[in-house]
N, C-alpha and C. Protein backbone atom coordinates (compact mmCIF):
# COMPACT_ATOMS: atom_id res chain seq x y z
N UNK A 1 0.88 -1.21 -0.02
CA UNK A 1 -0.02 0.00 0.02
C UNK A 1 0.88 1.28 -0.03
N UNK A 2 1.80 1.33 0.93
CA UNK A 2 2.68 2.50 1.06
C UNK A 2 3.61 2.58 -0.16
N UNK A 3 4.16 1.45 -0.58
CA UNK A 3 5.03 1.48 -1.73
C UNK A 3 4.27 1.84 -3.01
N UNK A 4 3.08 1.44 -3.07
CA UNK A 4 2.24 1.72 -4.30
C UNK A 4 1.93 3.23 -4.39
N UNK A 5 1.74 3.89 -3.24
CA UNK A 5 1.44 5.31 -3.27
C UNK A 5 2.68 6.16 -3.44
N UNK A 6 3.81 5.70 -2.90
CA UNK A 6 5.01 6.52 -2.95
C UNK A 6 5.77 6.32 -4.28
N UNK A 7 5.53 5.22 -4.95
CA UNK A 7 6.23 5.00 -6.22
C UNK A 7 5.99 6.05 -7.29
N UNK A 8 4.73 6.41 -7.55
CA UNK A 8 4.49 7.40 -8.59
C UNK A 8 5.16 8.72 -8.29
N UNK A 9 5.18 9.11 -6.98
CA UNK A 9 5.84 10.37 -6.62
C UNK A 9 7.38 10.25 -6.87
N UNK A 10 7.95 9.13 -6.50
CA UNK A 10 9.37 8.90 -6.71
C UNK A 10 9.68 8.86 -8.24
N UNK A 11 8.81 8.23 -8.98
CA UNK A 11 9.03 8.09 -10.41
C UNK A 11 8.95 9.44 -11.11
N UNK A 12 7.94 10.26 -10.70
CA UNK A 12 7.81 11.61 -11.25
C UNK A 12 9.01 12.49 -10.85
N UNK A 13 9.48 12.28 -9.66
CA UNK A 13 10.64 13.08 -9.19
C UNK A 13 11.88 12.72 -10.00
N UNK A 14 12.07 11.42 -10.22
CA UNK A 14 13.25 10.93 -10.98
C UNK A 14 13.19 11.36 -12.45
N UNK A 15 11.97 11.33 -13.00
CA UNK A 15 11.85 11.72 -14.48
C UNK A 15 11.90 13.28 -14.61
N UNK A 16 11.49 13.99 -13.53
CA UNK A 16 11.46 15.45 -13.56
C UNK A 16 12.87 16.02 -13.39
N UNK A 17 13.71 15.30 -12.70
CA UNK A 17 15.06 15.75 -12.38
C UNK A 17 15.94 16.00 -13.61
N UNK A 18 16.03 15.04 -14.56
CA UNK A 18 16.81 15.31 -15.77
C UNK A 18 16.24 16.48 -16.56
N UNK A 19 14.89 16.63 -16.57
CA UNK A 19 14.24 17.73 -17.24
C UNK A 19 14.72 19.07 -16.72
N UNK A 20 14.73 19.15 -15.38
CA UNK A 20 15.22 20.39 -14.75
C UNK A 20 16.66 20.67 -14.99
N UNK A 21 17.43 19.61 -15.02
CA UNK A 21 18.88 19.73 -15.32
C UNK A 21 19.09 20.17 -16.73
N UNK A 22 18.30 19.62 -17.68
CA UNK A 22 18.48 20.04 -19.06
C UNK A 22 18.02 21.48 -19.30
N UNK A 23 16.98 21.94 -18.57
CA UNK A 23 16.58 23.32 -18.65
C UNK A 23 17.75 24.24 -18.14
N UNK A 24 18.37 23.85 -17.06
CA UNK A 24 19.51 24.63 -16.54
C UNK A 24 20.65 24.62 -17.57
N UNK A 25 20.91 23.46 -18.25
CA UNK A 25 21.95 23.38 -19.23
C UNK A 25 21.64 24.24 -20.42
N UNK A 26 20.38 24.27 -20.81
CA UNK A 26 19.98 25.07 -21.99
C UNK A 26 20.13 26.59 -21.61
N UNK A 27 19.72 26.93 -20.42
CA UNK A 27 19.82 28.36 -20.01
C UNK A 27 21.31 28.79 -19.94
N UNK A 28 22.16 27.87 -19.49
CA UNK A 28 23.62 28.18 -19.41
C UNK A 28 24.17 28.31 -20.79
N UNK A 29 23.75 27.40 -21.75
CA UNK A 29 24.25 27.45 -23.10
C UNK A 29 23.80 28.75 -23.78
N UNK A 30 22.56 29.15 -23.51
CA UNK A 30 22.09 30.41 -24.10
C UNK A 30 22.82 31.60 -23.53
N UNK A 31 23.12 31.59 -22.25
CA UNK A 31 23.88 32.66 -21.66
C UNK A 31 25.29 32.76 -22.23
N UNK A 32 25.93 31.58 -22.42
CA UNK A 32 27.28 31.54 -22.98
C UNK A 32 27.21 32.07 -24.48
N UNK A 33 26.21 31.68 -25.17
CA UNK A 33 26.08 32.12 -26.60
C UNK A 33 25.92 33.62 -26.64
N UNK A 34 25.06 34.14 -25.77
CA UNK A 34 24.85 35.60 -25.72
C UNK A 34 26.16 36.30 -25.40
N UNK A 35 26.94 35.79 -24.45
CA UNK A 35 28.19 36.37 -24.05
C UNK A 35 29.15 36.33 -25.24
N UNK A 36 29.25 35.23 -25.93
CA UNK A 36 30.18 35.15 -27.10
C UNK A 36 29.77 36.14 -28.17
N UNK A 37 28.46 36.23 -28.43
CA UNK A 37 27.91 37.15 -29.46
C UNK A 37 28.25 38.59 -29.08
N UNK A 38 28.09 38.88 -27.82
CA UNK A 38 28.36 40.27 -27.32
C UNK A 38 29.83 40.62 -27.41
N UNK A 39 30.72 39.66 -27.04
CA UNK A 39 32.16 39.88 -27.15
C UNK A 39 32.62 40.04 -28.56
N UNK A 40 32.02 39.30 -29.47
CA UNK A 40 32.35 39.40 -30.89
C UNK A 40 31.89 40.74 -31.41
N UNK A 41 30.71 41.17 -31.01
CA UNK A 41 30.20 42.46 -31.45
C UNK A 41 31.11 43.62 -30.93
N UNK A 42 31.55 43.49 -29.73
CA UNK A 42 32.48 44.48 -29.18
C UNK A 42 33.82 44.50 -29.95
N UNK A 43 34.29 43.32 -30.22
CA UNK A 43 35.55 43.18 -30.96
C UNK A 43 35.43 43.83 -32.30
N UNK A 44 34.40 43.49 -33.03
CA UNK A 44 34.23 44.01 -34.41
C UNK A 44 33.89 45.51 -34.42
N UNK A 45 33.25 45.98 -33.41
CA UNK A 45 32.84 47.41 -33.40
C UNK A 45 34.04 48.28 -33.06
N UNK A 46 34.98 47.75 -32.25
CA UNK A 46 36.14 48.56 -31.84
C UNK A 46 37.25 48.51 -32.95
N UNK A 47 37.35 47.41 -33.64
CA UNK A 47 38.43 47.29 -34.66
C UNK A 47 38.09 48.02 -35.96
């Protein structure tokens, strides 16, 4: 009974965790891309 009720919660937590991690990774990748674009823009505008 207890295992049957706690399993879906555990399962959803385990499946939700990689999703949250991938969102963090995508946000970090976007931030890095923006930073690179900005630095390239500064480089080309000054030269």
